[in-house]
Amino acid sequence: MDGATRTYLVVMDDSGEARAALRFAARRAAKTGGGLEVLAITASQDFVQWGGVQAAIEEEQQLRIEAEVAAALGDLPGTEGLRPGAILIRAGDPVGIVRDLLATRQDIAALVLGTAPAGDPGPLVAAFTGSDSGKLSCPVMLIPGSLSDERLEALS
């Protein structure tokens, strides 16, 4: 990463904790002069008969994720003009997708994951804080989904 931009990779879904992770990562990127990328993972389509249907599904997912990112970053102080360098959408096994992406990207400075306020941590948090955590090419930042915007600001 010599001289390269420090990129924070955020895994997004429809949860509040993902929104908290995105807002935290955006503040860190803004404060450190880094970049921001968003990875959205969708379920694999078992069978799509026509390629045009698959393309329409992918375009709809892209637009939905872009709208979620814009809404989450819209009023975040200090991040004016900061937009993700990329919004990646992948289908399949979330753990495998993230692991494969991290293995090919030396510019990713941290994997930023949101954690649920209570209950099951989810497959990504469980996988990347468990026995395989020492094999990752970057640190994992866990952002509690229960943090207020004010507390996120203070911590970032």
Protein backbone atom coordinates (compact mmCIF):
# COMPACT_ATOMS: atom_id res chain seq x y z
CA MET A 1 0.00 0.00 0.00
CA ASP A 2 2.98 2.30 -0.38
CA GLY A 3 1.58 5.74 -1.21
CA ALA A 4 -1.74 4.24 -2.26
CA THR A 5 -5.08 5.53 -1.07
CA ARG A 6 -6.32 3.88 2.09
CA THR A 7 -9.60 2.27 1.06
CA TYR A 8 -12.29 1.26 3.52
CA LEU A 9 -14.47 -1.59 2.27
CA VAL A 10 -18.00 -1.66 3.67
CA VAL A 11 -20.34 -4.60 3.19
CA MET A 12 -23.89 -3.27 2.75
CA ASP A 13 -27.28 -4.82 3.18
CA ASP A 14 -30.66 -3.46 4.25
CA SER A 15 -29.85 -3.36 7.96
CA GLY A 16 -29.36 -0.40 10.26
CA GLU A 17 -25.99 -1.73 11.33
CA ALA A 18 -24.77 -1.64 7.73
CA ARG A 19 -25.79 2.03 7.59
CA ALA A 20 -23.75 2.68 10.76
CA ALA A 21 -20.74 0.90 9.26
CA LEU A 22 -21.02 2.96 6.07
CA ARG A 23 -21.26 6.23 7.95
CA PHE A 24 -18.27 5.33 10.15
CA ALA A 25 -16.16 4.28 7.16
CA ALA A 26 -17.07 7.46 5.28
CA ARG A 27 -15.98 9.61 8.22
CA ARG A 28 -12.69 7.69 8.54
CA ALA A 29 -12.06 8.01 4.80
CA ALA A 30 -12.77 11.75 4.91
CA LYS A 31 -10.54 12.30 7.95
CA THR A 32 -7.62 10.23 6.61
CA GLY A 33 -7.81 11.23 2.96
CA GLY A 34 -8.81 7.69 2.09
CA GLY A 35 -11.30 6.11 -0.21
CA LEU A 36 -14.52 4.24 0.27
CA GLU A 37 -15.91 1.20 -1.52
CA VAL A 38 -19.18 -0.58 -0.96
CA LEU A 39 -19.79 -4.28 -1.50
CA ALA A 40 -23.36 -5.52 -1.70
CA ILE A 41 -23.89 -9.25 -1.76
CA THR A 42 -27.05 -10.71 -3.17
CA ALA A 43 -28.42 -14.21 -3.33
CA SER A 44 -27.41 -16.20 -6.37
CA GLN A 45 -30.08 -16.49 -9.02
CA ASP A 46 -30.65 -20.21 -9.51
CA PHE A 47 -31.92 -19.83 -13.03
CA VAL A 48 -32.76 -16.90 -15.23
CA GLN A 49 -34.00 -17.96 -18.63
CA TRP A 50 -33.33 -14.73 -20.45
CA GLY A 51 -30.19 -12.64 -20.21
CA GLY A 52 -32.23 -9.43 -20.41
CA VAL A 53 -34.08 -10.38 -17.23
CA GLN A 54 -30.79 -10.98 -15.41
CA ALA A 55 -29.45 -7.62 -16.62
CA ALA A 56 -32.59 -5.87 -15.38
CA ILE A 57 -32.28 -7.54 -11.97
CA GLU A 58 -28.64 -6.46 -11.69
CA GLU A 59 -29.43 -2.89 -12.74
CA GLU A 60 -32.25 -2.68 -10.19
CA GLN A 61 -29.90 -3.91 -7.45
CA GLN A 62 -27.26 -1.37 -8.46
CA LEU A 63 -29.76 1.50 -8.34
CA ARG A 64 -31.12 0.36 -4.96
CA ILE A 65 -27.65 0.17 -3.41
CA GLU A 66 -26.66 3.55 -4.88
CA ALA A 67 -29.82 5.09 -3.36
CA GLU A 68 -29.08 3.53 0.04
CA VAL A 69 -25.51 4.83 -0.02
CA ALA A 70 -26.65 8.32 -1.05
CA ALA A 71 -29.24 8.36 1.73
CA ALA A 72 -26.75 7.21 4.37
CA LEU A 73 -24.09 9.73 3.33
CA GLY A 74 -26.42 12.57 2.38
CA ASP A 75 -26.23 14.64 5.57
CA LEU A 76 -23.02 13.34 7.08
CA PRO A 77 -20.87 16.28 8.19
CA GLY A 78 -17.36 16.43 6.78
CA THR A 79 -18.01 14.04 3.92
CA GLU A 80 -19.32 16.49 1.37
CA GLY A 81 -18.34 15.26 -2.07
CA LEU A 82 -17.15 11.88 -0.77
CA ARG A 83 -18.65 9.11 -2.83
CA PRO A 84 -17.64 5.48 -3.04
CA GLY A 85 -14.94 4.81 -5.58
CA ALA A 86 -16.92 1.71 -6.48
CA ILE A 87 -20.15 0.00 -5.60
CA LEU A 88 -19.57 -3.68 -6.19
CA ILE A 89 -22.46 -6.12 -6.39
CA ARG A 90 -21.70 -9.80 -6.19
CA ALA A 91 -23.98 -12.82 -5.95
CA GLY A 92 -23.21 -15.88 -3.88
CA ASP A 93 -21.68 -16.87 -0.58
CA PRO A 94 -20.89 -13.68 1.39
CA VAL A 95 -17.89 -15.07 3.26
CA GLY A 96 -16.28 -16.47 0.12
CA ILE A 97 -16.92 -13.30 -1.86
CA VAL A 98 -15.35 -11.05 0.79
CA ARG A 99 -12.42 -13.41 1.32
CA ASP A 100 -11.73 -13.59 -2.44
CA LEU A 101 -11.99 -9.83 -2.87
CA LEU A 102 -9.60 -9.13 0.01
CA ALA A 103 -7.12 -11.64 -1.40
CA THR A 104 -6.87 -9.69 -4.66
CA ARG A 105 -6.92 -6.12 -3.33
CA GLN A 106 -3.87 -4.79 -1.53
CA ASP A 107 -5.33 -1.26 -1.40
CA ILE A 108 -8.04 -2.19 1.11
CA ALA A 109 -6.95 -0.85 4.47
CA ALA A 110 -9.88 -2.19 6.49
CA LEU A 111 -13.00 -4.30 6.18
CA VAL A 112 -15.79 -2.42 7.93
CA LEU A 113 -18.72 -4.49 9.16
CA GLY A 114 -21.77 -3.45 11.13
CA THR A 115 -22.82 -5.57 14.08
CA ALA A 116 -26.40 -6.11 15.20
CA PRO A 117 -27.37 -4.46 18.50
CA ALA A 118 -28.32 -7.90 19.85
CA GLY A 119 -28.49 -11.52 18.82
CA ASP A 120 -26.65 -13.42 16.12
CA PRO A 121 -23.61 -11.51 14.81
CA GLY A 122 -24.23 -12.70 11.25
CA PRO A 123 -22.09 -14.84 8.98
CA LEU A 124 -19.52 -12.20 8.04
CA VAL A 125 -18.80 -11.06 11.59
CA ALA A 126 -18.66 -14.67 12.80
CA ALA A 127 -16.32 -15.71 9.97
CA PHE A 128 -13.92 -12.78 10.11
CA THR A 129 -13.60 -12.61 13.88
CA GLY A 130 -13.29 -16.37 14.33
CA SER A 131 -10.55 -18.86 13.61
CA ASP A 132 -9.77 -17.40 10.16
CA SER A 133 -9.30 -13.81 11.38
CA GLY A 134 -5.51 -14.10 11.43
CA LYS A 135 -5.44 -14.97 7.73
CA LEU A 136 -6.92 -11.70 6.47
CA SER A 137 -4.86 -9.15 4.57
CA CYS A 138 -6.34 -6.18 6.48
CA PRO A 139 -7.90 -5.32 9.84
CA VAL A 140 -11.60 -5.80 10.48
CA MET A 141 -13.50 -2.89 12.04
CA LEU A 142 -16.72 -3.85 13.81
CA ILE A 143 -19.18 -1.00 14.16
CA PRO A 144 -21.98 -1.54 16.67
CA GLY A 145 -25.34 -0.92 15.03
CA SER A 146 -26.62 0.66 18.24
CA LEU A 147 -24.30 3.70 18.04
CA SER A 148 -25.95 7.06 17.48
CA ASP A 149 -24.77 9.34 14.69
CA GLU A 150 -23.25 11.63 17.33
CA ARG A 151 -21.25 8.78 18.87
CA LEU A 152 -20.14 7.59 15.41
CA GLU A 153 -18.88 11.11 14.71
CA ALA A 154 -16.96 11.24 17.97
CA LEU A 155 -15.36 7.83 17.40
CA SER A 156 -14.43 8.28 13.76
